[in-house]
């Protein structure tokens, strides 16, 4: 079994967000590492059945689930979606002169049945925060397995519309444009759109880098 990070099989193609393309990419990496579904499930804490469905393109993976799979492969999100997968591990040593940018509409974008995500600053692989712009598509409360839960803390700022923030330990919190919340991300949490018009927010997650550990993803 290959346990060290290496350049995987070629032919993965450019980063895409379609279920079939992403599933094939995950399967290709897994097979290049000579890992079984059971082994990836153990490393990622994503169920075997969910991993199998993702590889077959039968379900849309969430931000949390994708980050958890990336962590299992020892990749950041940006690395996982890169056209060419890296062959050297990154180190999180002190950095100086850091700068990156994301042009409008050029973040790493993907969707699931409830939300649309766009990850910003993806070029900077080692960083202390994950900035994500989210469009809240659902007006129905997602099922329990679809709630997010991960290590660290999270700052939430509503950009447009109105949303309801649901958390494991608190009553639902209504947030309108310009409102914000700061939460312990180890609590299960999710969002619902309250307004008829589009609702969006920015979520900034604290982490050492994009390969988040201990995430409870949803299928």
C-alpha atoms as a PDB file:
ATOM      1  CA  UNK A   1       0.000   0.000   0.000  1.00  0.00           C
ATOM      2  CA  UNK A   2       1.400   3.418  -0.957  1.00  0.00           C
ATOM      3  CA  UNK A   3       1.095   5.658   2.055  1.00  0.00           C
ATOM      4  CA  UNK A   4       3.339   8.579   1.057  1.00  0.00           C
ATOM      5  CA  UNK A   5       2.131  11.354  -1.177  1.00  0.00           C
ATOM      6  CA  UNK A   6       3.263  11.003  -4.774  1.00  0.00           C
ATOM      7  CA  UNK A   7       2.332  12.084  -8.269  1.00  0.00           C
ATOM      8  CA  UNK A   8      -0.735  10.065  -9.134  1.00  0.00           C
ATOM      9  CA  UNK A   9      -1.675   8.584 -12.488  1.00  0.00           C
ATOM     10  CA  UNK A  10      -1.904  11.132 -15.269  1.00  0.00           C
ATOM     11  CA  UNK A  11      -5.048  11.827 -17.211  1.00  0.00           C
ATOM     12  CA  UNK A  12      -7.077  13.263 -14.346  1.00  0.00           C
ATOM     13  CA  UNK A  13      -7.789  16.383 -16.353  1.00  0.00           C
ATOM     14  CA  UNK A  14      -8.596  19.855 -15.145  1.00  0.00           C
ATOM     15  CA  UNK A  15     -10.482  20.443 -11.929  1.00  0.00           C
ATOM     16  CA  UNK A  16     -14.204  20.032 -12.423  1.00  0.00           C
ATOM     17  CA  UNK A  17     -17.185  19.937 -10.113  1.00  0.00           C
ATOM     18  CA  UNK A  18     -19.452  17.473 -11.881  1.00  0.00           C
ATOM     19  CA  UNK A  19     -20.332  14.395  -9.862  1.00  0.00           C
ATOM     20  CA  UNK A  20     -18.981  11.990 -12.499  1.00  0.00           C
ATOM     21  CA  UNK A  21     -15.725  13.907 -12.976  1.00  0.00           C
ATOM     22  CA  UNK A  22     -15.083  14.350  -9.275  1.00  0.00           C
ATOM     23  CA  UNK A  23     -15.957  10.729  -8.544  1.00  0.00           C
ATOM     24  CA  UNK A  24     -13.547   9.511 -11.206  1.00  0.00           C
ATOM     25  CA  UNK A  25     -10.825  11.749  -9.821  1.00  0.00           C
ATOM     26  CA  UNK A  26     -11.274  10.336  -6.311  1.00  0.00           C
ATOM     27  CA  UNK A  27     -11.299   6.770  -7.623  1.00  0.00           C
ATOM     28  CA  UNK A  28      -8.149   7.385  -9.671  1.00  0.00           C
ATOM     29  CA  UNK A  29      -6.283   8.756  -6.655  1.00  0.00           C
ATOM     30  CA  UNK A  30      -7.466   5.892  -4.452  1.00  0.00           C
ATOM     31  CA  UNK A  31      -6.389   3.250  -6.945  1.00  0.00           C
ATOM     32  CA  UNK A  32      -3.043   4.974  -7.520  1.00  0.00           C
ATOM     33  CA  UNK A  33      -2.482   4.811  -3.766  1.00  0.00           C
ATOM     34  CA  UNK A  34      -3.521   1.146  -3.813  1.00  0.00           C
ATOM     35  CA  UNK A  35      -6.176   1.870  -1.197  1.00  0.00           C
ATOM     36  CA  UNK A  36      -9.478   0.057  -0.803  1.00  0.00           C
ATOM     37  CA  UNK A  37     -12.739   1.847  -0.116  1.00  0.00           C
ATOM     38  CA  UNK A  38     -12.602   0.416   3.395  1.00  0.00           C
ATOM     39  CA  UNK A  39      -9.177   1.969   3.987  1.00  0.00           C
ATOM     40  CA  UNK A  40     -10.230   5.390   2.683  1.00  0.00           C
ATOM     41  CA  UNK A  41     -13.376   5.209   4.819  1.00  0.00           C
ATOM     42  CA  UNK A  42     -11.223   4.525   7.876  1.00  0.00           C
ATOM     43  CA  UNK A  43      -8.842   7.391   7.063  1.00  0.00           C
ATOM     44  CA  UNK A  44     -11.591   9.895   6.286  1.00  0.00           C
ATOM     45  CA  UNK A  45     -14.479   8.796   8.537  1.00  0.00           C
ATOM     46  CA  UNK A  46     -16.716   8.981   5.450  1.00  0.00           C
ATOM     47  CA  UNK A  47     -18.812   5.831   5.155  1.00  0.00           C
ATOM     48  CA  UNK A  48     -17.952   3.184   2.578  1.00  0.00           C
ATOM     49  CA  UNK A  49     -21.379   3.501   0.976  1.00  0.00           C
ATOM     50  CA  UNK A  50     -21.000   7.277   0.627  1.00  0.00           C
ATOM     51  CA  UNK A  51     -17.504   6.948  -0.866  1.00  0.00           C
ATOM     52  CA  UNK A  52     -18.777   4.359  -3.319  1.00  0.00           C
ATOM     53  CA  UNK A  53     -21.657   6.623  -4.395  1.00  0.00           C
ATOM     54  CA  UNK A  54     -19.284   9.578  -4.801  1.00  0.00           C
ATOM     55  CA  UNK A  55     -16.912   7.551  -6.974  1.00  0.00           C
ATOM     56  CA  UNK A  56     -19.834   6.432  -9.145  1.00  0.00           C
ATOM     57  CA  UNK A  57     -21.136  10.001  -9.465  1.00  0.00           C
ATOM     58  CA  UNK A  58     -24.403   9.095  -7.753  1.00  0.00           C
ATOM     59  CA  UNK A  59     -24.300  11.818  -5.088  1.00  0.00           C
ATOM     60  CA  UNK A  60     -23.011  15.382  -4.755  1.00  0.00           C
ATOM     61  CA  UNK A  61     -20.285  15.695  -2.133  1.00  0.00           C
ATOM     62  CA  UNK A  62     -20.429  18.626   0.269  1.00  0.00           C
ATOM     63  CA  UNK A  63     -17.632  21.018   1.150  1.00  0.00           C
ATOM     64  CA  UNK A  64     -17.037  19.119   4.394  1.00  0.00           C
ATOM     65  CA  UNK A  65     -17.029  15.714   2.708  1.00  0.00           C
ATOM     66  CA  UNK A  66     -14.611  16.848  -0.009  1.00  0.00           C
ATOM     67  CA  UNK A  67     -12.292  18.401   2.579  1.00  0.00           C
ATOM     68  CA  UNK A  68     -12.398  15.235   4.643  1.00  0.00           C
ATOM     69  CA  UNK A  69     -11.510  13.058   1.644  1.00  0.00           C
ATOM     70  CA  UNK A  70      -8.713  15.480   0.731  1.00  0.00           C
ATOM     71  CA  UNK A  71      -7.334  15.168   4.253  1.00  0.00           C
ATOM     72  CA  UNK A  72      -7.415  11.368   4.017  1.00  0.00           C
ATOM     73  CA  UNK A  73      -5.259  11.588   0.872  1.00  0.00           C
ATOM     74  CA  UNK A  74      -2.996  14.187   2.538  1.00  0.00           C
ATOM     75  CA  UNK A  75      -4.106  16.864   0.083  1.00  0.00           C
ATOM     76  CA  UNK A  76      -5.488  20.343   0.543  1.00  0.00           C
ATOM     77  CA  UNK A  77      -8.680  21.253  -1.294  1.00  0.00           C
ATOM     78  CA  UNK A  78      -6.687  23.297  -3.781  1.00  0.00           C
ATOM     79  CA  UNK A  79      -4.319  20.384  -4.396  1.00  0.00           C
ATOM     80  CA  UNK A  80      -7.209  17.958  -4.812  1.00  0.00           C
ATOM     81  CA  UNK A  81      -8.742  20.141  -7.527  1.00  0.00           C
ATOM     82  CA  UNK A  82      -5.456  21.068  -9.193  1.00  0.00           C
ATOM     83  CA  UNK A  83      -4.944  19.963 -12.772  1.00  0.00           C
ATOM     84  CA  UNK A  84      -1.656  18.310 -11.804  1.00  0.00           C
ATOM     85  CA  UNK A  85      -1.531  16.674  -8.375  1.00  0.00           C
ATOM     86  CA  UNK A  86       1.628  17.554  -6.415  1.00  0.00           C
ATOM     87  CA  UNK A  87       4.341  15.046  -5.607  1.00  0.00           C
ATOM     88  CA  UNK A  88       5.780  16.780  -2.558  1.00  0.00           C
ATOM     89  CA  UNK A  89       4.092  17.387   0.814  1.00  0.00           C
ATOM     90  CA  UNK A  90       3.614  20.914   2.004  1.00  0.00           C
ATOM     91  CA  UNK A  91       5.063  22.216   5.244  1.00  0.00           C
ATOM     92  CA  UNK A  92       3.307  24.715   7.475  1.00  0.00           C
ATOM     93  CA  UNK A  93       6.436  26.601   8.578  1.00  0.00           C
ATOM     94  CA  UNK A  94       6.508  30.344   9.044  1.00  0.00           C
ATOM     95  CA  UNK A  95       5.675  32.281   5.883  1.00  0.00           C
ATOM     96  CA  UNK A  96       6.450  35.889   5.032  1.00  0.00           C
ATOM     97  CA  UNK A  97       5.355  38.138   2.209  1.00  0.00           C
ATOM     98  CA  UNK A  98       2.128  36.193   1.704  1.00  0.00           C
ATOM     99  CA  UNK A  99      -0.311  37.395  -0.941  1.00  0.00           C
ATOM    100  CA  UNK A 100      -2.972  35.855  -3.103  1.00  0.00           C
ATOM    101  CA  UNK A 101      -6.177  36.922  -4.799  1.00  0.00           C
ATOM    102  CA  UNK A 102      -9.292  35.451  -6.351  1.00  0.00           C
ATOM    103  CA  UNK A 103     -10.946  37.164  -9.304  1.00  0.00           C
ATOM    104  CA  UNK A 104     -14.730  37.292  -9.455  1.00  0.00           C
ATOM    105  CA  UNK A 105     -16.145  33.905 -10.343  1.00  0.00           C
ATOM    106  CA  UNK A 106     -12.718  32.235 -10.344  1.00  0.00           C
ATOM    107  CA  UNK A 107     -12.827  30.428  -6.992  1.00  0.00           C
ATOM    108  CA  UNK A 108     -13.092  26.647  -6.629  1.00  0.00           C
ATOM    109  CA  UNK A 109     -16.841  26.150  -7.050  1.00  0.00           C
ATOM    110  CA  UNK A 110     -18.985  23.124  -6.328  1.00  0.00           C
ATOM    111  CA  UNK A 111     -22.553  22.415  -5.270  1.00  0.00           C
ATOM    112  CA  UNK A 112     -24.729  19.978  -3.403  1.00  0.00           C
ATOM    113  CA  UNK A 113     -28.530  19.842  -3.164  1.00  0.00           C
ATOM    114  CA  UNK A 114     -28.594  22.567  -0.505  1.00  0.00           C
ATOM    115  CA  UNK A 115     -25.705  24.970  -1.054  1.00  0.00           C
ATOM    116  CA  UNK A 116     -23.333  26.365  -3.658  1.00  0.00           C
ATOM    117  CA  UNK A 117     -19.759  26.906  -2.496  1.00  0.00           C
ATOM    118  CA  UNK A 118     -16.917  28.971  -3.887  1.00  0.00           C
ATOM    119  CA  UNK A 119     -13.564  28.590  -2.127  1.00  0.00           C
ATOM    120  CA  UNK A 120     -11.377  31.703  -2.333  1.00  0.00           C
ATOM    121  CA  UNK A 121      -7.605  32.100  -1.904  1.00  0.00           C
ATOM    122  CA  UNK A 122      -7.181  28.507  -3.074  1.00  0.00           C
ATOM    123  CA  UNK A 123      -3.810  29.321  -4.646  1.00  0.00           C
ATOM    124  CA  UNK A 124      -2.323  29.781  -1.165  1.00  0.00           C
ATOM    125  CA  UNK A 125      -2.058  26.184  -0.017  1.00  0.00           C
ATOM    126  CA  UNK A 126      -0.807  26.730   3.527  1.00  0.00           C
ATOM    127  CA  UNK A 127      -2.881  29.231   5.496  1.00  0.00           C
ATOM    128  CA  UNK A 128      -4.754  29.694   8.741  1.00  0.00           C
ATOM    129  CA  UNK A 129      -8.243  30.239   7.322  1.00  0.00           C
ATOM    130  CA  UNK A 130     -10.544  28.854   4.653  1.00  0.00           C
ATOM    131  CA  UNK A 131     -12.645  31.660   3.090  1.00  0.00           C
ATOM    132  CA  UNK A 132     -15.778  30.282   1.452  1.00  0.00           C
ATOM    133  CA  UNK A 133     -18.611  32.187  -0.236  1.00  0.00           C
ATOM    134  CA  UNK A 134     -21.891  30.261   0.015  1.00  0.00           C
ATOM    135  CA  UNK A 135     -25.192  30.630  -1.793  1.00  0.00           C
ATOM    136  CA  UNK A 136     -27.949  29.151   0.354  1.00  0.00           C
ATOM    137  CA  UNK A 137     -30.259  27.373  -2.075  1.00  0.00           C
ATOM    138  CA  UNK A 138     -32.529  25.450   0.272  1.00  0.00           C
ATOM    139  CA  UNK A 139     -35.600  26.742   2.084  1.00  0.00           C
ATOM    140  CA  UNK A 140     -36.022  23.387   3.808  1.00  0.00           C
ATOM    141  CA  UNK A 141     -33.926  22.218   6.739  1.00  0.00           C
ATOM    142  CA  UNK A 142     -31.307  19.745   5.437  1.00  0.00           C
ATOM    143  CA  UNK A 143     -31.413  16.248   6.952  1.00  0.00           C
ATOM    144  CA  UNK A 144     -29.272  15.590  10.055  1.00  0.00           C
ATOM    145  CA  UNK A 145     -26.534  13.863   8.060  1.00  0.00           C
ATOM    146  CA  UNK A 146     -26.222  17.002   5.912  1.00  0.00           C
ATOM    147  CA  UNK A 147     -25.270  19.265   8.804  1.00  0.00           C
ATOM    148  CA  UNK A 148     -21.670  20.436   8.926  1.00  0.00           C
ATOM    149  CA  UNK A 149     -19.266  19.700  11.772  1.00  0.00           C
ATOM    150  CA  UNK A 150     -15.503  20.192  11.795  1.00  0.00           C
ATOM    151  CA  UNK A 151     -12.587  21.240  13.948  1.00  0.00           C
ATOM    152  CA  UNK A 152     -11.906  24.912  14.639  1.00  0.00           C
ATOM    153  CA  UNK A 153     -14.053  28.026  14.688  1.00  0.00           C
ATOM    154  CA  UNK A 154     -16.043  29.809  11.999  1.00  0.00           C
ATOM    155  CA  UNK A 155     -17.001  33.411  11.256  1.00  0.00           C
ATOM    156  CA  UNK A 156     -20.215  33.897   9.253  1.00  0.00           C
ATOM    157  CA  UNK A 157     -21.250  37.164   7.564  1.00  0.00           C
ATOM    158  CA  UNK A 158     -24.449  37.482   5.521  1.00  0.00           C
ATOM    159  CA  UNK A 159     -23.918  39.168   2.165  1.00  0.00           C
ATOM    160  CA  UNK A 160     -27.489  39.134   0.851  1.00  0.00           C
ATOM    161  CA  UNK A 161     -30.984  37.996   1.763  1.00  0.00           C
ATOM    162  CA  UNK A 162     -31.915  36.366   5.060  1.00  0.00           C
ATOM    163  CA  UNK A 163     -30.787  33.020   6.442  1.00  0.00           C
ATOM    164  CA  UNK A 164     -31.478  30.924   9.515  1.00  0.00           C
ATOM    165  CA  UNK A 165     -28.416  29.520  11.255  1.00  0.00           C
ATOM    166  CA  UNK A 166     -29.177  26.204  12.939  1.00  0.00           C
ATOM    167  CA  UNK A 167     -26.715  24.849  15.490  1.00  0.00           C
ATOM    168  CA  UNK A 168     -26.618  21.766  17.665  1.00  0.00           C
ATOM    169  CA  UNK A 169     -26.712  23.578  21.023  1.00  0.00           C
ATOM    170  CA  UNK A 170     -28.618  26.806  20.376  1.00  0.00           C
ATOM    171  CA  UNK A 171     -32.018  27.912  19.160  1.00  0.00           C
ATOM    172  CA  UNK A 172     -32.136  28.886  15.458  1.00  0.00           C
ATOM    173  CA  UNK A 173     -30.690  32.327  14.760  1.00  0.00           C
ATOM    174  CA  UNK A 174     -32.152  34.600  12.071  1.00  0.00           C
ATOM    175  CA  UNK A 175     -29.486  36.581  10.226  1.00  0.00           C
ATOM    176  CA  UNK A 176     -30.095  39.347   7.661  1.00  0.00           C
ATOM    177  CA  UNK A 177     -27.735  41.184   5.328  1.00  0.00           C
ATOM    178  CA  UNK A 178     -24.901  42.671   7.355  1.00  0.00           C
ATOM    179  CA  UNK A 179     -25.448  40.390  10.354  1.00  0.00           C
ATOM    180  CA  UNK A 180     -22.740  38.015  11.515  1.00  0.00           C
ATOM    181  CA  UNK A 181     -22.130  35.093  13.849  1.00  0.00           C
ATOM    182  CA  UNK A 182     -19.046  33.430  15.288  1.00  0.00           C
ATOM    183  CA  UNK A 183     -19.390  29.772  16.233  1.00  0.00           C
ATOM    184  CA  UNK A 184     -17.531  26.766  17.518  1.00  0.00           C
ATOM    185  CA  UNK A 185     -17.485  24.610  14.389  1.00  0.00           C
ATOM    186  CA  UNK A 186     -17.373  21.389  16.393  1.00  0.00           C
ATOM    187  CA  UNK A 187     -21.105  21.979  16.897  1.00  0.00           C
ATOM    188  CA  UNK A 188     -23.195  20.552  14.091  1.00  0.00           C
ATOM    189  CA  UNK A 189     -24.542  23.476  12.063  1.00  0.00           C
ATOM    190  CA  UNK A 190     -26.350  24.318   8.853  1.00  0.00           C
ATOM    191  CA  UNK A 191     -28.231  27.095   7.049  1.00  0.00           C
ATOM    192  CA  UNK A 192     -31.673  27.666   5.543  1.00  0.00           C
ATOM    193  CA  UNK A 193     -32.669  30.485   3.186  1.00  0.00           C
ATOM    194  CA  UNK A 194     -35.567  32.528   4.567  1.00  0.00           C
ATOM    195  CA  UNK A 195     -35.877  35.143   1.825  1.00  0.00           C
ATOM    196  CA  UNK A 196     -37.485  34.535  -1.555  1.00  0.00           C
ATOM    197  CA  UNK A 197     -34.583  36.295  -3.204  1.00  0.00           C
ATOM    198  CA  UNK A 198     -31.057  34.905  -3.287  1.00  0.00           C
ATOM    199  CA  UNK A 199     -29.267  34.567   0.035  1.00  0.00           C
ATOM    200  CA  UNK A 200     -25.499  34.435   0.320  1.00  0.00           C
ATOM    201  CA  UNK A 201     -22.890  34.548   3.028  1.00  0.00           C
ATOM    202  CA  UNK A 202     -19.176  34.338   3.570  1.00  0.00           C
ATOM    203  CA  UNK A 203     -17.875  31.686   5.931  1.00  0.00           C
ATOM    204  CA  UNK A 204     -14.301  31.890   7.187  1.00  0.00           C
ATOM    205  CA  UNK A 205     -13.176  28.657   8.833  1.00  0.00           C
ATOM    206  CA  UNK A 206     -10.142  28.531  11.098  1.00  0.00           C
ATOM    207  CA  UNK A 207      -7.684  25.776  10.270  1.00  0.00           C
ATOM    208  CA  UNK A 208      -3.951  25.300   9.762  1.00  0.00           C
ATOM    209  CA  UNK A 209      -4.479  24.639   6.065  1.00  0.00           C
ATOM    210  CA  UNK A 210      -7.100  23.344   3.683  1.00  0.00           C
ATOM    211  CA  UNK A 211      -6.768  19.678   4.548  1.00  0.00           C
ATOM    212  CA  UNK A 212      -9.237  19.797   7.446  1.00  0.00           C
ATOM    213  CA  UNK A 213      -9.357  16.839   9.795  1.00  0.00           C
ATOM    214  CA  UNK A 214     -12.223  15.421  11.851  1.00  0.00           C
ATOM    215  CA  UNK A 215     -15.006  16.630   9.588  1.00  0.00           C
ATOM    216  CA  UNK A 216     -18.461  15.089   9.606  1.00  0.00           C
ATOM    217  CA  UNK A 217     -19.366  15.338   5.940  1.00  0.00           C
ATOM    218  CA  UNK A 218     -22.727  14.664   4.429  1.00  0.00           C
ATOM    219  CA  UNK A 219     -23.582  12.430   1.527  1.00  0.00           C
END
